[in-house]
Amino acid sequence: MPVASPRYTRNIRPEDLQTPSSAPPDGKKKWENFWYYHKWHVLLGAVGLIVAVMLIYSFCSIVKPDYQITLLSPVSRSSAALEELEKQFSAFGKDLNGDGKVIVQVQQYTLASTEKDLQMMNPQINMAGTAQLQGDAQVGSTVIFLTDDFDALQKKTEFFTDLNDPYAPFDAASSTGVYYLPWTSCLPLSQLDMGSVTALDGQTQLSIEDEFSNTVFCLRLITGTELENDVYFQQYYADCLELFQALTGYHIDL
């Protein structure tokens, strides 16, 4: 093994042969190193946290209605008119979900009742409205309906029940029974002041009562449906019957 010449080592001190230890990085240096290697992880995590907070807030702030009433019509009503109905109808209901509020949601499924309606409508809109009604029928979102062509709709769907016996099975051959109540015959509604809304032209004022004066109230069928044995829906159905009586003034034997 070769030995270094004395002339190369004579001026070397023992301490010069030791490897100098690096000083530990201070806090700033540590943060700079961490940020250099992990900044994208931190940023992505922060974005994910913000999105999660927003989703949770959005979910918690969603207004959950106690009732849903649906208008079935080929003629669209203004959102302002539907909102006014929600406000007025809510005074007749109860707080079913225990959130301290009484909210009756009023919405519309735009669909054709007759061939004439279908010829005047966009077929896609009619298909969407029909799909909404079918989905509603399966999950039971709506018990109380408004429509402006009950006879055609009932003939097409056989979806509505006798108001005098709402739990009875539907009998298409029966010529008796009360299946709908005209808006204009509902005394509680006649005592409300619903005001007016602005038409699409931005100038004409439309009376909300006039917008709905040709509609009728009706109730969906429960007997013979998939929801007949659903305990939750049975209670919701009974609650909606009470709301129906309060809105229309028509007595139903519960």
C-alpha atoms as a PDB file:
ATOM      1  CA  MET A   1       0.000   0.000   0.000  1.00  0.00           C
ATOM      2  CA  PRO A   2       1.685   3.270  -1.037  1.00  0.00           C
ATOM      3  CA  VAL A   3       2.467   5.790   1.678  1.00  0.00           C
ATOM      4  CA  ALA A   4       2.200   9.502   1.105  1.00  0.00           C
ATOM      5  CA  SER A   5       5.505  11.304   1.009  1.00  0.00           C
ATOM      6  CA  PRO A   6       6.321  13.247   4.185  1.00  0.00           C
ATOM      7  CA  ARG A   7       6.736  16.396   2.177  1.00  0.00           C
ATOM      8  CA  TYR A   8       2.992  16.294   1.380  1.00  0.00           C
ATOM      9  CA  THR A   9       1.838  15.563   4.913  1.00  0.00           C
ATOM     10  CA  ARG A  10       4.217  17.421   7.159  1.00  0.00           C
ATOM     11  CA  ASN A  11       2.082  20.561   7.331  1.00  0.00           C
ATOM     12  CA  ILE A  12      -1.250  18.742   7.802  1.00  0.00           C
ATOM     13  CA  ARG A  13      -2.765  18.939  11.280  1.00  0.00           C
ATOM     14  CA  PRO A  14      -4.960  16.133  12.673  1.00  0.00           C
ATOM     15  CA  GLU A  15      -7.948  18.401  12.832  1.00  0.00           C
ATOM     16  CA  ASP A  16      -7.574  19.106   9.091  1.00  0.00           C
ATOM     17  CA  LEU A  17      -8.298  15.443   8.375  1.00  0.00           C
ATOM     18  CA  GLN A  18     -11.735  15.588  10.022  1.00  0.00           C
ATOM     19  CA  THR A  19     -14.761  16.148   7.824  1.00  0.00           C
ATOM     20  CA  PRO A  20     -16.445  19.417   8.818  1.00  0.00           C
ATOM     21  CA  SER A  21     -19.995  18.876  10.010  1.00  0.00           C
ATOM     22  CA  SER A  22     -22.626  20.997   8.341  1.00  0.00           C
ATOM     23  CA  ALA A  23     -24.563  23.338  10.587  1.00  0.00           C
ATOM     24  CA  PRO A  24     -28.213  22.325  11.094  1.00  0.00           C
ATOM     25  CA  PRO A  25     -30.545  24.362   8.896  1.00  0.00           C
ATOM     26  CA  ASP A  26     -32.502  27.086  10.633  1.00  0.00           C
ATOM     27  CA  GLY A  27     -36.305  27.338  10.541  1.00  0.00           C
ATOM     28  CA  LYS A  28     -36.376  29.504   7.434  1.00  0.00           C
ATOM     29  CA  LYS A  29     -34.153  27.085   5.542  1.00  0.00           C
ATOM     30  CA  LYS A  30     -36.305  24.146   6.590  1.00  0.00           C
ATOM     31  CA  TRP A  31     -39.434  25.895   5.352  1.00  0.00           C
ATOM     32  CA  GLU A  32     -37.781  26.782   2.048  1.00  0.00           C
ATOM     33  CA  ASN A  33     -36.747  23.160   1.543  1.00  0.00           C
ATOM     34  CA  PHE A  34     -40.197  21.896   2.466  1.00  0.00           C
ATOM     35  CA  TRP A  35     -41.924  24.392   0.189  1.00  0.00           C
ATOM     36  CA  TYR A  36     -39.603  23.561  -2.714  1.00  0.00           C
ATOM     37  CA  TYR A  37     -40.426  19.859  -2.588  1.00  0.00           C
ATOM     38  CA  HIS A  38     -44.043  19.930  -1.385  1.00  0.00           C
ATOM     39  CA  LYS A  39     -45.620  23.179  -2.588  1.00  0.00           C
ATOM     40  CA  TRP A  40     -47.919  21.471  -5.114  1.00  0.00           C
ATOM     41  CA  HIS A  41     -49.116  18.994  -2.503  1.00  0.00           C
ATOM     42  CA  VAL A  42     -49.931  21.881  -0.162  1.00  0.00           C
ATOM     43  CA  LEU A  43     -51.726  23.868  -2.861  1.00  0.00           C
ATOM     44  CA  LEU A  44     -53.777  20.888  -4.025  1.00  0.00           C
ATOM     45  CA  GLY A  45     -54.672  20.044  -0.442  1.00  0.00           C
ATOM     46  CA  ALA A  46     -55.791  23.632   0.198  1.00  0.00           C
ATOM     47  CA  VAL A  47     -57.951  23.642  -2.929  1.00  0.00           C
ATOM     48  CA  GLY A  48     -59.487  20.323  -1.904  1.00  0.00           C
ATOM     49  CA  LEU A  49     -60.251  21.654   1.572  1.00  0.00           C
ATOM     50  CA  ILE A  50     -61.908  24.786   0.155  1.00  0.00           C
ATOM     51  CA  VAL A  51     -64.053  22.702  -2.216  1.00  0.00           C
ATOM     52  CA  ALA A  52     -65.061  20.373   0.631  1.00  0.00           C
ATOM     53  CA  VAL A  53     -66.055  23.317   2.855  1.00  0.00           C
ATOM     54  CA  MET A  54     -68.083  24.856   0.032  1.00  0.00           C
ATOM     55  CA  LEU A  55     -69.886  21.572  -0.662  1.00  0.00           C
ATOM     56  CA  ILE A  56     -70.689  21.064   3.020  1.00  0.00           C
ATOM     57  CA  TYR A  57     -71.963  24.634   3.329  1.00  0.00           C
ATOM     58  CA  SER A  58     -74.035  24.275   0.162  1.00  0.00           C
ATOM     59  CA  PHE A  59     -75.554  21.007   1.383  1.00  0.00           C
ATOM     60  CA  CYS A  60     -76.348  22.391   4.834  1.00  0.00           C
ATOM     61  CA  SER A  61     -77.903  25.560   3.411  1.00  0.00           C
ATOM     62  CA  ILE A  62     -80.264  23.740   1.024  1.00  0.00           C
ATOM     63  CA  VAL A  63     -83.852  24.544   1.898  1.00  0.00           C
ATOM     64  CA  LYS A  64     -85.784  21.320   2.381  1.00  0.00           C
ATOM     65  CA  PRO A  65     -89.500  21.734   1.610  1.00  0.00           C
ATOM     66  CA  ASP A  66     -92.156  20.152   3.796  1.00  0.00           C
ATOM     67  CA  TYR A  67     -94.514  19.682   0.841  1.00  0.00           C
ATOM     68  CA  GLN A  68     -94.273  19.739  -2.913  1.00  0.00           C
ATOM     69  CA  ILE A  69     -97.108  20.801  -5.181  1.00  0.00           C
ATOM     70  CA  THR A  70     -96.660  20.375  -8.922  1.00  0.00           C
ATOM     71  CA  LEU A  71     -98.351  22.117 -11.821  1.00  0.00           C
ATOM     72  CA  LEU A  72     -98.896  19.902 -14.874  1.00  0.00           C
ATOM     73  CA  SER A  73     -99.473  22.065 -17.913  1.00  0.00           C
ATOM     74  CA  PRO A  74     -98.322  22.669 -21.496  1.00  0.00           C
ATOM     75  CA  VAL A  75     -98.296  26.391 -20.667  1.00  0.00           C
ATOM     76  CA  SER A  76     -95.381  27.639 -18.586  1.00  0.00           C
ATOM     77  CA  ARG A  77     -96.060  29.969 -15.696  1.00  0.00           C
ATOM     78  CA  SER A  78     -93.569  32.541 -14.523  1.00  0.00           C
ATOM     79  CA  SER A  79     -91.196  31.678 -11.716  1.00  0.00           C
ATOM     80  CA  ALA A  80     -92.417  34.766  -9.858  1.00  0.00           C
ATOM     81  CA  ALA A  81     -95.987  33.435  -9.929  1.00  0.00           C
ATOM     82  CA  LEU A  82     -94.884  30.031  -8.641  1.00  0.00           C
ATOM     83  CA  GLU A  83     -92.861  31.694  -5.881  1.00  0.00           C
ATOM     84  CA  GLU A  84     -95.923  33.686  -4.832  1.00  0.00           C
ATOM     85  CA  LEU A  85     -97.920  30.463  -4.602  1.00  0.00           C
ATOM     86  CA  GLU A  86     -95.189  28.985  -2.423  1.00  0.00           C
ATOM     87  CA  LYS A  87     -95.383  31.953  -0.096  1.00  0.00           C
ATOM     88  CA  GLN A  88     -99.175  31.868   0.143  1.00  0.00           C
ATOM     89  CA  PHE A  89     -99.537  28.083   0.406  1.00  0.00           C
ATOM     90  CA  SER A  90     -96.912  27.802   3.137  1.00  0.00           C
ATOM     91  CA  ALA A  91     -99.284  29.556   5.549  1.00  0.00           C
ATOM     92  CA  PHE A  92    -101.611  26.522   5.358  1.00  0.00           C
ATOM     93  CA  GLY A  93     -99.033  23.812   6.101  1.00  0.00           C
ATOM     94  CA  LYS A  94     -97.135  22.333   9.039  1.00  0.00           C
ATOM     95  CA  ASP A  95     -93.454  21.938   9.798  1.00  0.00           C
ATOM     96  CA  LEU A  96     -93.116  18.298   8.773  1.00  0.00           C
ATOM     97  CA  ASN A  97     -89.319  18.012   8.859  1.00  0.00           C
ATOM     98  CA  GLY A  98     -88.789  19.850  12.136  1.00  0.00           C
ATOM     99  CA  ASP A  99     -86.469  22.563  10.817  1.00  0.00           C
ATOM    100  CA  GLY A 100     -88.580  25.372  12.279  1.00  0.00           C
ATOM    101  CA  LYS A 101     -89.954  26.472   8.893  1.00  0.00           C
ATOM    102  CA  VAL A 102     -93.026  25.644   6.837  1.00  0.00           C
ATOM    103  CA  ILE A 103     -92.153  25.505   3.155  1.00  0.00           C
ATOM    104  CA  VAL A 104     -94.447  24.458   0.328  1.00  0.00           C
ATOM    105  CA  GLN A 105     -92.472  24.107  -2.894  1.00  0.00           C
ATOM    106  CA  VAL A 106     -94.447  24.740  -6.072  1.00  0.00           C
ATOM    107  CA  GLN A 107     -92.933  23.620  -9.358  1.00  0.00           C
ATOM    108  CA  GLN A 108     -94.045  22.832 -12.885  1.00  0.00           C
ATOM    109  CA  TYR A 109     -93.677  19.881 -15.228  1.00  0.00           C
ATOM    110  CA  THR A 110     -94.321  21.171 -18.720  1.00  0.00           C
ATOM    111  CA  LEU A 111     -95.988  18.424 -20.728  1.00  0.00           C
ATOM    112  CA  ALA A 112     -98.736  17.937 -23.272  1.00  0.00           C
ATOM    113  CA  SER A 113    -102.134  16.593 -22.295  1.00  0.00           C
ATOM    114  CA  THR A 114    -103.534  16.321 -25.842  1.00  0.00           C
ATOM    115  CA  GLU A 115    -102.302  15.866 -29.385  1.00  0.00           C
ATOM    116  CA  LYS A 116    -103.037  19.523 -30.004  1.00  0.00           C
ATOM    117  CA  ASP A 117    -100.726  20.482 -27.144  1.00  0.00           C
ATOM    118  CA  LEU A 118     -98.040  18.211 -28.524  1.00  0.00           C
ATOM    119  CA  GLN A 119     -98.186  19.839 -31.948  1.00  0.00           C
ATOM    120  CA  MET A 120     -97.633  23.262 -30.392  1.00  0.00           C
ATOM    121  CA  MET A 121     -94.816  22.214 -28.041  1.00  0.00           C
ATOM    122  CA  ASN A 122     -91.180  21.400 -28.425  1.00  0.00           C
ATOM    123  CA  PRO A 123     -91.113  17.569 -28.296  1.00  0.00           C
ATOM    124  CA  GLN A 124     -88.014  17.589 -26.104  1.00  0.00           C
ATOM    125  CA  ILE A 125     -89.732  19.761 -23.517  1.00  0.00           C
ATOM    126  CA  ASN A 126     -92.685  17.396 -23.481  1.00  0.00           C
ATOM    127  CA  MET A 127     -90.402  14.386 -23.101  1.00  0.00           C
ATOM    128  CA  ALA A 128     -88.606  16.052 -20.199  1.00  0.00           C
ATOM    129  CA  GLY A 129     -91.900  16.897 -18.479  1.00  0.00           C
ATOM    130  CA  THR A 130     -93.196  13.357 -18.963  1.00  0.00           C
ATOM    131  CA  ALA A 131     -89.978  11.925 -17.517  1.00  0.00           C
ATOM    132  CA  GLN A 132     -90.240  14.254 -14.521  1.00  0.00           C
ATOM    133  CA  LEU A 133     -93.794  13.112 -13.820  1.00  0.00           C
ATOM    134  CA  GLN A 134     -92.815   9.447 -14.118  1.00  0.00           C
ATOM    135  CA  GLY A 135     -89.910   9.927 -11.729  1.00  0.00           C
ATOM    136  CA  ASP A 136     -92.121  11.836  -9.316  1.00  0.00           C
ATOM    137  CA  ALA A 137     -94.713   9.051  -9.405  1.00  0.00           C
ATOM    138  CA  GLN A 138     -92.066   6.497  -8.425  1.00  0.00           C
ATOM    139  CA  VAL A 139     -90.539   8.398  -5.501  1.00  0.00           C
ATOM    140  CA  GLY A 140     -93.711  10.138  -4.334  1.00  0.00           C
ATOM    141  CA  SER A 141     -92.438  13.719  -4.210  1.00  0.00           C
ATOM    142  CA  THR A 142     -95.850  15.176  -5.063  1.00  0.00           C
ATOM    143  CA  VAL A 143     -99.304  14.279  -3.777  1.00  0.00           C
ATOM    144  CA  ILE A 144    -101.167  17.505  -4.615  1.00  0.00           C
ATOM    145  CA  PHE A 145    -101.249  18.508  -8.276  1.00  0.00           C
ATOM    146  CA  LEU A 146    -102.568  21.459 -10.240  1.00  0.00           C
ATOM    147  CA  THR A 147    -103.483  21.063 -13.891  1.00  0.00           C
ATOM    148  CA  ASP A 148    -105.474  22.938 -16.507  1.00  0.00           C
ATOM    149  CA  ASP A 149    -106.676  19.890 -18.472  1.00  0.00           C
ATOM    150  CA  PHE A 150    -107.613  17.254 -15.934  1.00  0.00           C
ATOM    151  CA  ASP A 151    -109.841  15.071 -18.132  1.00  0.00           C
ATOM    152  CA  ALA A 152    -107.232  14.593 -20.857  1.00  0.00           C
ATOM    153  CA  LEU A 153    -104.483  13.989 -18.333  1.00  0.00           C
ATOM    154  CA  GLN A 154    -106.518  11.481 -16.327  1.00  0.00           C
ATOM    155  CA  LYS A 155    -107.511   9.618 -19.461  1.00  0.00           C
ATOM    156  CA  LYS A 156    -103.859   9.457 -20.461  1.00  0.00           C
ATOM    157  CA  THR A 157    -102.367   8.493 -17.084  1.00  0.00           C
ATOM    158  CA  GLU A 158    -105.151   7.256 -14.740  1.00  0.00           C
ATOM    159  CA  PHE A 159    -102.986   8.794 -12.052  1.00  0.00           C
ATOM    160  CA  PHE A 160    -105.486  10.666  -9.882  1.00  0.00           C
ATOM    161  CA  THR A 161    -107.847   9.502  -7.167  1.00  0.00           C
ATOM    162  CA  ASP A 162    -111.411  10.137  -6.009  1.00  0.00           C
ATOM    163  CA  LEU A 163    -111.324  12.946  -3.446  1.00  0.00           C
ATOM    164  CA  ASN A 164    -114.198  11.333  -1.533  1.00  0.00           C
ATOM    165  CA  ASP A 165    -112.227   8.107  -1.107  1.00  0.00           C
ATOM    166  CA  PRO A 166    -108.530   8.787  -1.789  1.00  0.00           C
ATOM    167  CA  TYR A 167    -107.420   5.361  -0.548  1.00  0.00           C
ATOM    168  CA  ALA A 168    -109.735   3.435  -2.868  1.00  0.00           C
ATOM    169  CA  PRO A 169    -108.353   1.754  -6.006  1.00  0.00           C
ATOM    170  CA  PHE A 170    -108.949   3.602  -9.244  1.00  0.00           C
ATOM    171  CA  ASP A 171    -111.963   2.426 -11.222  1.00  0.00           C
ATOM    172  CA  ALA A 172    -111.928   3.701 -14.799  1.00  0.00           C
ATOM    173  CA  ALA A 173    -115.475   2.461 -15.363  1.00  0.00           C
ATOM    174  CA  SER A 174    -116.918   4.454 -12.460  1.00  0.00           C
ATOM    175  CA  SER A 175    -118.996   7.468 -13.427  1.00  0.00           C
ATOM    176  CA  THR A 176    -119.256   8.814  -9.891  1.00  0.00           C
ATOM    177  CA  GLY A 177    -116.781  10.485  -7.630  1.00  0.00           C
ATOM    178  CA  VAL A 178    -115.091  13.858  -7.337  1.00  0.00           C
ATOM    179  CA  TYR A 179    -111.654  13.888  -8.892  1.00  0.00           C
ATOM    180  CA  TYR A 180    -110.754  17.559  -8.950  1.00  0.00           C
ATOM    181  CA  LEU A 181    -111.649  20.947  -7.516  1.00  0.00           C
ATOM    182  CA  PRO A 182    -111.496  24.102  -9.640  1.00  0.00           C
ATOM    183  CA  TRP A 183    -109.260  26.829  -8.278  1.00  0.00           C
ATOM    184  CA  THR A 184    -112.180  29.271  -8.407  1.00  0.00           C
ATOM    185  CA  SER A 185    -114.287  27.071  -6.095  1.00  0.00           C
ATOM    186  CA  CYS A 186    -111.679  26.976  -3.320  1.00  0.00           C
ATOM    187  CA  LEU A 187    -112.888  29.468  -0.702  1.00  0.00           C
ATOM    188  CA  PRO A 188    -109.596  29.736   1.227  1.00  0.00           C
ATOM    189  CA  LEU A 189    -107.779  30.764  -1.962  1.00  0.00           C
ATOM    190  CA  SER A 190    -110.383  33.354  -2.871  1.00  0.00           C
ATOM    191  CA  GLN A 191    -109.587  35.180   0.360  1.00  0.00           C
ATOM    192  CA  LEU A 192    -105.900  35.582  -0.468  1.00  0.00           C
ATOM    193  CA  ASP A 193    -104.333  38.635  -2.024  1.00  0.00           C
ATOM    194  CA  MET A 194    -101.677  37.278  -4.375  1.00  0.00           C
ATOM    195  CA  GLY A 195    -101.025  40.459  -6.297  1.00  0.00           C
ATOM    196  CA  SER A 196     -99.543  40.443  -9.783  1.00  0.00           C
ATOM    197  CA  VAL A 197     -96.330  39.754 -11.654  1.00  0.00           C
ATOM    198  CA  THR A 198     -94.668  41.425 -14.609  1.00  0.00           C
ATOM    199  CA  ALA A 199     -95.080  39.706 -17.963  1.00  0.00           C
ATOM    200  CA  LEU A 200     -92.182  38.808 -20.250  1.00  0.00           C
ATOM    201  CA  ASP A 201     -92.557  42.119 -22.097  1.00  0.00           C
ATOM    202  CA  GLY A 202     -91.402  43.863 -18.911  1.00  0.00           C
ATOM    203  CA  GLN A 203     -94.452  46.119 -18.758  1.00  0.00           C
ATOM    204  CA  THR A 204     -97.732  44.192 -18.590  1.00  0.00           C
ATOM    205  CA  GLN A 205     -98.902  43.244 -15.099  1.00  0.00           C
ATOM    206  CA  LEU A 206    -100.505  39.814 -14.842  1.00  0.00           C
ATOM    207  CA  SER A 207    -102.765  38.889 -11.978  1.00  0.00           C
ATOM    208  CA  ILE A 208    -101.483  35.720 -10.310  1.00  0.00           C
ATOM    209  CA  GLU A 209    -105.029  34.617  -9.579  1.00  0.00           C
ATOM    210  CA  ASP A 210    -105.882  35.005 -13.274  1.00  0.00           C
ATOM    211  CA  GLU A 211    -102.851  32.912 -14.217  1.00  0.00           C
ATOM    212  CA  PHE A 212    -104.193  29.980 -12.218  1.00  0.00           C
ATOM    213  CA  SER A 213    -107.946  30.584 -12.362  1.00  0.00           C
ATOM    214  CA  ASN A 214    -108.417  27.863 -15.009  1.00  0.00           C
ATOM    215  CA  THR A 215    -106.502  25.201 -13.078  1.00  0.00           C
ATOM    216  CA  VAL A 216    -107.886  22.480 -10.833  1.00  0.00           C
ATOM    217  CA  PHE A 217    -106.553  20.719  -7.742  1.00  0.00           C
ATOM    218  CA  CYS A 218    -106.288  16.936  -7.701  1.00  0.00           C
ATOM    219  CA  LEU A 219    -104.617  14.170  -5.689  1.00  0.00           C
ATOM    220  CA  ARG A 220    -102.397  11.366  -6.889  1.00  0.00           C
ATOM    221  CA  LEU A 221    -103.417   7.753  -6.402  1.00  0.00           C
ATOM    222  CA  ILE A 222    -101.713   5.692  -3.688  1.00  0.00           C
ATOM    223  CA  THR A 223    -103.624   2.397  -3.719  1.00  0.00           C
ATOM    224  CA  GLY A 224    -102.163  -0.135  -6.130  1.00  0.00           C
ATOM    225  CA  THR A 225     -98.874   1.746  -6.490  1.00  0.00           C
ATOM    226  CA  GLU A 226     -95.390   0.743  -5.362  1.00  0.00           C
ATOM    227  CA  LEU A 227     -95.619   3.351  -2.600  1.00  0.00           C
ATOM    228  CA  GLU A 228     -98.765   1.896  -1.051  1.00  0.00           C
ATOM    229  CA  ASN A 229     -96.794  -0.009   1.618  1.00  0.00           C
ATOM    230  CA  ASP A 230     -94.127   2.643   2.168  1.00  0.00           C
ATOM    231  CA  VAL A 231     -94.590   3.804   5.778  1.00  0.00           C
ATOM    232  CA  TYR A 232     -92.880   7.153   5.178  1.00  0.00           C
ATOM    233  CA  PHE A 233     -94.974   7.893   2.113  1.00  0.00           C
ATOM    234  CA  GLN A 234     -98.178   6.872   3.906  1.00  0.00           C
ATOM    235  CA  GLN A 235     -97.513   9.563   6.513  1.00  0.00           C
ATOM    236  CA  TYR A 236     -96.559  12.125   3.880  1.00  0.00           C
ATOM    237  CA  TYR A 237     -99.719  11.290   1.938  1.00  0.00           C
ATOM    238  CA  ALA A 238    -101.867  11.834   5.048  1.00  0.00           C
ATOM    239  CA  ASP A 239    -100.122  15.167   5.742  1.00  0.00           C
ATOM    240  CA  CYS A 240    -100.740  16.263   2.157  1.00  0.00           C
ATOM    241  CA  LEU A 241    -104.432  15.383   2.449  1.00  0.00           C
ATOM    242  CA  GLU A 242    -104.640  17.769   5.395  1.00  0.00           C
ATOM    243  CA  LEU A 243    -102.916  20.503   3.391  1.00  0.00           C
ATOM    244  CA  PHE A 244    -105.271  19.831   0.484  1.00  0.00           C
ATOM    245  CA  GLN A 245    -108.272  20.356   2.765  1.00  0.00           C
ATOM    246  CA  ALA A 246    -106.808  23.582   4.145  1.00  0.00           C
ATOM    247  CA  LEU A 247    -106.113  24.991   0.669  1.00  0.00           C
ATOM    248  CA  THR A 248    -109.395  24.003  -0.959  1.00  0.00           C
ATOM    249  CA  GLY A 249    -111.865  23.945   1.929  1.00  0.00           C
ATOM    250  CA  TYR A 250    -113.015  20.522   0.756  1.00  0.00           C
ATOM    251  CA  HIS A 251    -113.565  17.945   3.496  1.00  0.00           C
ATOM    252  CA  ILE A 252    -111.940  14.526   3.057  1.00  0.00           C
ATOM    253  CA  ASP A 253    -112.692  11.594   5.368  1.00  0.00           C
ATOM    254  CA  LEU A 254    -109.252  10.593   6.575  1.00  0.00           C
END
